[in-house]
N, C-alpha and C. Protein backbone atom coordinates (compact mmCIF):
# COMPACT_ATOMS: atom_id res chain seq x y z
N UNK A 1 113.53 94.81 78.51
CA UNK A 1 113.87 94.09 79.56
C UNK A 1 114.07 92.76 79.52
N UNK A 2 115.21 92.34 80.59
CA UNK A 2 115.69 91.16 80.70
C UNK A 2 115.41 90.82 82.15
N UNK A 3 114.98 89.59 82.54
CA UNK A 3 114.58 89.09 83.65
C UNK A 3 115.00 87.43 83.93
N UNK A 4 115.44 87.80 85.57
CA UNK A 4 116.06 86.54 86.01
C UNK A 4 114.96 86.19 87.41
N UNK A 5 114.69 85.00 87.50
CA UNK A 5 114.46 84.47 88.86
C UNK A 5 114.39 83.22 89.41
N UNK A 6 114.90 83.27 90.74
CA UNK A 6 114.78 81.88 91.55
C UNK A 6 114.03 82.04 92.47
N UNK A 7 113.65 80.68 92.80
CA UNK A 7 112.85 80.24 94.17
C UNK A 7 113.18 79.07 94.76
N UNK A 8 112.40 79.17 96.18
CA UNK A 8 112.62 78.09 97.17
C UNK A 8 111.59 77.99 97.91
N UNK A 9 111.08 76.90 98.39
CA UNK A 9 110.36 76.77 99.72
C UNK A 9 111.28 76.59 100.93
N UNK A 10 110.67 77.70 101.83
CA UNK A 10 111.51 77.53 103.04
C UNK A 10 110.57 77.27 104.14
N UNK A 11 110.94 76.67 105.40
CA UNK A 11 110.47 76.31 106.34
C UNK A 11 110.53 77.04 107.54
N UNK A 12 109.40 78.24 106.98
CA UNK A 12 108.90 78.94 108.07
C UNK A 12 108.05 80.22 107.21
N UNK A 13 106.95 80.97 108.30
CA UNK A 13 106.12 81.60 108.10
C UNK A 13 106.68 83.20 107.19
N UNK A 14 105.86 83.43 106.44
CA UNK A 14 106.30 84.94 105.77
C UNK A 14 106.61 85.62 106.81
N UNK A 15 106.05 85.89 108.17
CA UNK A 15 106.44 86.68 108.73
C UNK A 15 107.89 86.50 109.42
N UNK A 16 108.30 85.38 109.65
CA UNK A 16 109.59 84.81 110.05
C UNK A 16 110.43 85.48 109.02
N UNK A 17 110.03 85.26 107.69
CA UNK A 17 111.10 85.36 106.88
C UNK A 17 111.08 87.16 106.56
N UNK A 18 110.27 87.76 106.69
CA UNK A 18 110.03 89.04 106.55
C UNK A 18 111.20 89.57 107.55
N UNK A 19 111.15 89.30 109.04
CA UNK A 19 111.71 89.78 109.74
C UNK A 19 113.14 89.91 109.46
N UNK A 20 113.79 88.46 109.14
CA UNK A 20 115.21 88.60 108.40
C UNK A 20 115.65 89.75 107.12
N UNK A 21 114.60 89.65 106.17
CA UNK A 21 114.59 90.92 105.16
C UNK A 21 114.33 91.97 105.84
N UNK A 22 113.63 92.21 106.85
CA UNK A 22 113.44 93.90 106.98
C UNK A 22 114.62 94.60 107.75
N UNK A 23 115.57 93.55 108.20
CA UNK A 23 116.91 94.18 108.76
C UNK A 23 117.70 94.18 107.79
N UNK A 24 117.44 95.08 107.01
CA UNK A 24 117.81 95.33 105.77
C UNK A 24 119.47 95.75 105.97
N UNK A 25 119.83 96.41 106.59
CA UNK A 25 121.50 96.45 106.83
C UNK A 25 122.39 95.08 107.39
N UNK A 26 121.63 94.25 107.28
CA UNK A 26 122.28 93.02 107.84
C UNK A 26 122.41 92.14 106.90
N UNK A 27 122.28 92.22 106.06
CA UNK A 27 122.47 91.32 105.00
C UNK A 27 123.79 89.82 104.66
N UNK A 28 125.00 90.60 105.25
CA UNK A 28 126.06 90.01 105.39
C UNK A 28 125.91 89.18 106.43
N UNK A 29 125.24 89.09 107.37
CA UNK A 29 125.14 88.22 108.42
C UNK A 29 124.58 86.72 107.92
N UNK A 30 123.56 86.95 106.93
CA UNK A 30 123.12 85.34 106.42
C UNK A 30 123.35 85.36 105.14
N UNK A 31 124.19 85.90 104.35
CA UNK A 31 124.83 85.75 102.88
C UNK A 31 126.25 85.63 102.90
N UNK A 32 126.47 84.32 102.81
CA UNK A 32 128.18 84.26 102.92
C UNK A 32 129.19 84.84 102.17
N UNK A 33 128.39 85.01 100.78
CA UNK A 33 129.41 85.54 99.86
C UNK A 33 129.60 87.02 99.85
N UNK A 34 128.59 87.82 100.76
CA UNK A 34 128.85 89.30 101.28
C UNK A 34 129.58 89.56 102.21
N UNK A 35 130.81 90.40 102.11
CA UNK A 35 132.01 90.51 102.89
C UNK A 35 131.31 91.63 103.87
N UNK A 36 130.52 92.69 103.70
CA UNK A 36 130.07 93.81 104.48
C UNK A 36 128.78 94.47 103.89
N UNK A 37 127.97 94.50 105.07
CA UNK A 37 126.72 95.24 104.73
C UNK A 37 126.46 96.61 105.70
N UNK A 38 126.08 97.61 105.40
CA UNK A 38 125.77 98.41 106.15
C UNK A 38 124.40 99.75 106.09
N UNK A 39 123.63 100.16 106.96
CA UNK A 39 122.99 101.08 106.38
C UNK A 39 123.62 102.39 106.05
N UNK A 40 123.01 103.01 104.93
CA UNK A 40 123.45 104.46 104.58
C UNK A 40 122.35 105.37 104.73
N UNK A 41 121.31 105.07 105.23
CA UNK A 41 120.22 106.13 105.88
C UNK A 41 120.01 106.12 107.10
N UNK A 42 119.37 106.96 107.77
CA UNK A 42 119.07 107.04 109.35
C UNK A 42 117.74 106.18 109.14
N UNK A 43 117.02 106.16 108.13
CA UNK A 43 115.93 105.20 108.12
C UNK A 43 116.32 103.82 108.06
N UNK A 44 115.97 102.91 108.81
CA UNK A 44 115.72 101.52 108.66
C UNK A 44 115.12 100.71 108.24
N UNK A 45 113.72 101.38 107.97
CA UNK A 45 112.67 100.34 107.10
C UNK A 45 111.55 101.23 106.42
N UNK A 46 110.80 100.57 105.55
CA UNK A 46 110.30 101.34 104.23
C UNK A 46 110.99 101.76 103.20
N UNK A 47 110.13 102.44 102.24
CA UNK A 47 110.63 102.85 101.21
C UNK A 47 111.69 104.24 101.19
N UNK A 48 112.75 104.05 100.62
CA UNK A 48 113.78 104.97 100.93
C UNK A 48 114.81 104.80 101.92
N UNK A 49 114.74 103.35 102.37
CA UNK A 49 115.98 102.67 103.21
C UNK A 49 117.16 102.52 102.08
N UNK A 50 118.26 102.78 102.77
CA UNK A 50 119.57 102.40 101.84
C UNK A 50 120.42 101.67 102.41
N UNK A 51 121.19 100.82 102.05
CA UNK A 51 122.43 100.14 102.34
C UNK A 51 123.30 99.81 101.39
N UNK A 52 124.71 99.95 102.03
CA UNK A 52 126.06 99.73 101.04
C UNK A 52 126.04 98.07 101.21
N UNK A 53 126.69 97.05 100.08
CA UNK A 53 126.57 96.11 99.96
C UNK A 53 128.22 95.86 99.68
N UNK A 54 129.11 94.98 100.07
CA UNK A 54 130.35 94.90 99.64
C UNK A 54 130.48 93.26 99.28
N UNK A 55 130.73 93.27 97.93
CA UNK A 55 130.70 91.81 97.56
C UNK A 55 132.39 91.91 96.71
N UNK A 56 133.14 91.25 97.21
CA UNK A 56 134.79 91.26 96.98
C UNK A 56 135.16 92.73 96.78
N UNK A 57 135.49 93.14 95.68
CA UNK A 57 135.90 94.32 95.43
C UNK A 57 134.82 95.51 94.82
N UNK A 58 133.72 94.99 94.74
CA UNK A 58 132.46 95.48 94.24
C UNK A 58 131.55 96.17 95.25
N UNK A 59 131.22 97.38 95.45
CA UNK A 59 130.66 98.02 96.23
C UNK A 59 129.16 98.50 95.51
N UNK A 60 128.20 98.10 96.05
CA UNK A 60 126.76 98.03 95.91
C UNK A 60 126.14 98.99 96.50
N UNK A 61 125.30 99.92 96.27
CA UNK A 61 124.25 100.61 96.84
C UNK A 61 122.83 100.34 96.58
N UNK A 62 121.86 100.04 97.62
CA UNK A 62 120.83 99.12 97.28
C UNK A 62 119.55 100.21 98.12
N UNK A 63 118.72 100.53 97.15
CA UNK A 63 117.79 101.57 97.58
C UNK A 63 116.09 100.94 97.78
N UNK A 64 115.40 100.86 98.71
CA UNK A 64 114.27 100.27 98.85
C UNK A 64 113.11 101.12 98.22
N UNK A 65 112.49 100.83 97.24
CA UNK A 65 111.43 101.18 96.23
C UNK A 65 109.71 100.74 96.98
N UNK A 66 109.93 99.43 97.17
CA UNK A 66 108.53 98.76 97.58
C UNK A 66 109.01 98.30 99.11
N UNK A 67 107.97 98.18 99.93
CA UNK A 67 108.46 97.54 101.29
C UNK A 67 106.73 97.27 101.44
N UNK A 68 106.42 96.08 101.48
CA UNK A 68 104.96 95.68 101.84
C UNK A 68 104.96 94.47 102.99
N UNK A 69 105.00 94.89 104.31
CA UNK A 69 105.38 93.32 105.16
C UNK A 69 103.95 93.10 104.93
N UNK A 70 104.05 91.14 104.70
CA UNK A 70 105.20 90.58 104.90
C UNK A 70 105.27 89.89 103.77
N UNK A 71 105.07 90.67 102.44
CA UNK A 71 105.24 89.57 100.98
C UNK A 71 105.90 90.13 100.06
N UNK A 72 106.46 91.54 100.22
CA UNK A 72 107.13 92.19 99.09
C UNK A 72 108.19 93.25 99.55
N UNK A 73 109.36 93.01 98.96
CA UNK A 73 110.38 93.78 99.25
C UNK A 73 110.96 93.93 97.85
N UNK A 74 111.22 95.51 97.49
CA UNK A 74 111.90 95.38 95.86
C UNK A 74 112.72 96.77 96.18
N UNK A 75 114.12 96.40 95.67
CA UNK A 75 115.25 97.51 95.67
C UNK A 75 115.67 97.67 94.37
N UNK A 76 116.26 98.96 94.14
CA UNK A 76 117.33 98.87 93.39
C UNK A 76 118.90 98.88 93.36
N UNK A 77 119.65 98.53 92.37
CA UNK A 77 120.87 97.69 92.85
C UNK A 77 121.83 99.13 91.99
N UNK A 78 122.88 99.91 92.54
CA UNK A 78 123.48 100.54 91.98
C UNK A 78 125.30 100.68 92.28
N UNK A 79 125.73 100.75 91.16
CA UNK A 79 127.18 100.61 91.66
C UNK A 79 127.81 99.65 90.59
N UNK A 80 127.25 99.43 89.51
CA UNK A 80 127.65 98.21 88.59
C UNK A 80 128.17 99.19 87.49
N UNK A 81 128.70 99.09 86.43
CA UNK A 81 129.21 99.37 85.41
C UNK A 81 127.86 99.95 84.61
N UNK A 82 128.23 101.44 84.44
CA UNK A 82 126.93 102.38 83.88
C UNK A 82 126.18 101.57 82.88
N UNK A 83 127.03 101.11 81.66
CA UNK A 83 126.42 99.78 80.52
C UNK A 83 125.46 99.12 81.17
N UNK A 84 125.91 98.94 82.60
CA UNK A 84 124.63 97.73 82.88
C UNK A 84 123.28 98.03 83.08
N UNK A 85 123.11 99.36 83.43
CA UNK A 85 121.84 100.05 83.86
C UNK A 85 121.77 99.81 85.53
N UNK A 86 120.64 99.80 85.92
CA UNK A 86 120.27 99.81 87.43
C UNK A 86 119.39 98.54 87.54
N UNK A 87 119.84 97.53 87.81
CA UNK A 87 119.02 96.21 88.20
C UNK A 87 117.85 96.43 89.22
N UNK A 88 116.78 96.16 89.28
CA UNK A 88 115.75 96.31 90.17
C UNK A 88 115.26 94.61 90.85
N UNK A 89 115.45 94.43 92.21
CA UNK A 89 115.14 93.02 92.59
C UNK A 89 113.85 93.11 93.36
N UNK A 90 113.31 92.03 93.63
CA UNK A 90 111.94 92.06 94.20
C UNK A 90 112.25 90.61 94.85
N UNK A 91 111.97 90.79 96.29
CA UNK A 91 111.36 89.41 96.84
C UNK A 91 110.02 89.44 97.14
N UNK A 92 109.66 88.15 96.71
CA UNK A 92 108.08 87.71 96.99
C UNK A 92 107.97 86.68 98.10
N UNK A 93 106.91 86.94 98.82
CA UNK A 93 107.05 85.84 99.85
C UNK A 93 105.34 85.19 100.01
N UNK A 94 105.48 84.16 99.66
CA UNK A 94 103.79 83.41 99.43
C UNK A 94 103.64 82.15 100.27
N UNK A 95 102.61 82.29 101.26
CA UNK A 95 102.67 80.92 102.44
C UNK A 95 102.20 80.13 101.67
N UNK A 96 102.47 78.78 102.08
CA UNK A 96 102.25 77.61 101.54
C UNK A 96 102.01 76.49 102.45
N UNK A 97 101.20 76.39 103.11
CA UNK A 97 100.90 75.42 104.53
C UNK A 97 101.87 75.98 105.38
N UNK A 98 102.63 75.13 106.14
CA UNK A 98 103.63 75.67 107.17
C UNK A 98 104.94 76.12 106.57
N UNK A 99 104.86 75.99 105.27
CA UNK A 99 106.23 76.75 104.76
C UNK A 99 106.09 78.04 103.70
N UNK A 100 106.93 78.71 103.14
CA UNK A 100 106.69 80.26 102.39
C UNK A 100 107.96 79.64 101.16
N UNK A 101 107.24 80.11 100.05
CA UNK A 101 107.41 79.90 98.75
C UNK A 101 108.37 81.40 98.71
N UNK A 102 109.30 81.32 98.39
CA UNK A 102 110.31 82.96 98.15
C UNK A 102 110.96 82.78 97.05
N UNK A 103 110.33 83.81 96.16
CA UNK A 103 111.13 84.34 95.05
C UNK A 103 111.82 85.32 95.04
N UNK A 104 113.05 85.41 94.41
CA UNK A 104 114.05 86.51 94.15
C UNK A 104 113.96 86.90 92.49
N UNK A 105 113.33 87.79 92.35
CA UNK A 105 113.44 87.84 90.87
C UNK A 105 114.31 89.39 90.66
N UNK A 106 114.97 89.51 89.29
CA UNK A 106 115.63 90.71 88.78
C UNK A 106 115.22 91.33 87.61
N UNK A 107 114.90 92.36 87.34
CA UNK A 107 114.62 92.86 86.05
C UNK A 107 115.80 93.98 85.87
N UNK A 108 115.93 94.24 84.51
CA UNK A 108 117.03 95.09 83.99
C UNK A 108 116.69 95.67 83.09
N UNK A 109 116.48 97.03 82.58
CA UNK A 109 116.32 97.37 81.09
C UNK A 109 117.09 97.73 80.55
N UNK A 110 117.31 97.10 79.54
CA UNK A 110 118.50 97.17 78.68
C UNK A 110 118.28 98.09 77.32
N UNK A 111 116.71 98.36 77.25
CA UNK A 111 116.86 99.01 76.13
C UNK A 111 117.09 98.32 74.69
N UNK A 112 117.39 98.91 73.40
CA UNK A 112 117.79 98.19 72.13
C UNK A 112 119.22 98.06 71.96
N UNK A 113 119.86 98.54 72.89
CA UNK A 113 121.43 98.24 72.67
C UNK A 113 121.77 97.07 72.65
N UNK A 114 122.37 96.40 71.71
CA UNK A 114 122.61 95.33 71.81
C UNK A 114 124.09 94.74 72.56
N UNK A 115 124.90 95.87 72.81
CA UNK A 115 125.98 95.75 73.83
C UNK A 115 125.51 95.75 74.99
N UNK A 116 124.70 96.58 75.55
CA UNK A 116 123.98 96.61 76.41
C UNK A 116 122.83 95.36 77.10
N UNK A 117 122.27 94.72 76.01
CA UNK A 117 121.85 93.54 76.28
C UNK A 117 122.55 92.67 76.68
N UNK A 118 124.10 92.34 76.00
CA UNK A 118 125.19 91.19 76.02
C UNK A 118 125.47 91.63 77.56
N UNK A 119 125.78 92.69 77.90
CA UNK A 119 126.25 93.02 79.49
C UNK A 119 125.18 92.97 80.62
N UNK A 120 124.01 93.21 80.21
CA UNK A 120 123.07 93.05 80.99
C UNK A 120 122.51 91.55 81.46
N UNK A 121 122.58 90.60 80.34
CA UNK A 121 122.65 89.21 80.49
C UNK A 121 123.56 88.67 81.50
N UNK A 122 125.02 88.97 81.35
CA UNK A 122 126.15 88.87 82.07
C UNK A 122 125.71 89.40 83.53
N UNK A 123 125.23 90.52 83.66
CA UNK A 123 124.99 90.80 85.15
C UNK A 123 123.79 89.77 85.68
N UNK A 124 122.78 89.75 84.84
CA UNK A 124 121.64 88.90 85.38
C UNK A 124 122.18 87.63 85.92
N UNK A 125 123.09 86.90 84.82
CA UNK A 125 123.71 85.84 85.48
C UNK A 125 124.21 85.82 86.47
N UNK A 126 125.00 86.89 87.09
CA UNK A 126 125.83 86.95 88.19
C UNK A 126 124.56 87.16 89.41
N UNK A 127 123.79 87.72 89.08
CA UNK A 127 122.65 88.33 90.00
C UNK A 127 121.91 86.97 90.61
N UNK A 128 121.44 86.33 89.40
CA UNK A 128 121.05 84.80 89.45
C UNK A 128 121.48 84.20 90.45
N UNK A 129 122.90 83.69 90.41
CA UNK A 129 123.91 83.11 90.98
C UNK A 129 123.73 83.70 92.77
N UNK A 130 123.84 84.95 92.60
CA UNK A 130 123.39 85.53 94.34
C UNK A 130 122.38 85.40 94.58
N UNK A 131 121.29 85.28 94.12
CA UNK A 131 120.04 85.15 94.41
C UNK A 131 119.91 83.37 95.08
N UNK A 132 120.46 82.79 94.31
CA UNK A 132 120.50 81.35 94.77
C UNK A 132 121.48 81.20 96.52
N UNK A 133 122.49 82.14 96.40
CA UNK A 133 123.31 82.04 97.70
C UNK A 133 122.16 82.79 98.78
N UNK A 134 121.67 84.18 98.42
CA UNK A 134 120.63 84.49 99.35
C UNK A 134 119.76 83.59 99.93
N UNK A 135 119.15 82.91 98.94
CA UNK A 135 118.09 82.01 99.28
C UNK A 135 118.46 81.13 100.09
N UNK A 136 119.51 80.42 99.95
CA UNK A 136 120.23 79.27 100.72
C UNK A 136 120.76 79.96 102.12
N UNK A 137 120.92 81.04 102.31
CA UNK A 137 121.43 81.83 103.70
C UNK A 137 120.18 82.12 104.33
N UNK A 138 119.16 82.41 103.44
CA UNK A 138 117.88 82.80 104.37
C UNK A 138 117.34 81.71 104.75
N UNK A 139 117.40 80.72 104.06
CA UNK A 139 116.77 79.62 104.89
C UNK A 139 117.54 78.70 105.91
N UNK A 140 118.98 78.85 105.98
CA UNK A 140 119.78 78.45 106.85
C UNK A 140 119.49 79.51 108.07
N UNK A 141 119.17 80.73 108.04
CA UNK A 141 118.87 81.80 109.16
C UNK A 141 117.66 81.43 109.71
N UNK A 142 116.56 81.42 108.87
CA UNK A 142 115.29 81.17 109.72
C UNK A 142 114.63 79.64 109.98
N UNK A 143 115.48 79.06 109.26
CA UNK A 143 114.83 77.45 109.27
C UNK A 143 116.14 76.37 109.41
N UNK A 144 116.68 76.72 110.50
CA UNK A 144 118.29 75.94 110.82
C UNK A 144 117.89 74.45 110.56
N UNK A 145 118.80 73.76 110.21
CA UNK A 145 118.63 72.18 110.17
C UNK A 145 117.55 71.55 109.13
N UNK A 146 116.65 72.61 108.39
CA UNK A 146 115.59 72.24 107.56
C UNK A 146 116.31 72.18 105.90
N UNK A 147 115.77 71.12 105.57
CA UNK A 147 116.12 71.22 103.73
C UNK A 147 115.12 72.06 103.38
N UNK A 148 115.77 73.12 102.10
CA UNK A 148 114.71 73.70 101.17
C UNK A 148 114.71 73.01 99.92
């Protein structure tokens, strides 16, 4: 198992941040690097909710596996090359006074295959960069004008 994690302090309450995260199909509206997102399920919240995410030529399908308002959202990411496996991303929100500590972590089970571990590390490097963009976009959405 390999792991990446990015965190940011955002000037908003967990409930305010959860409201943005819970609009699962609207990711592209607050993350500039994402060209398009849309729901793929009739379900719009909770475990089993699915969205399509378009990042340049890469199409991903993300399925919610943990939905625990207002502090934890976890989803799988499918659509990467099969050797990369299926990353699992978790958002955690922890109140810190008037702010919220937001942590985005991604885990990837690469097994013992050295090539899969190498590919997995490259995938997690890209997902770590994506997490930084998502945290910045989230902060701009919920606390415009505030620095994080």
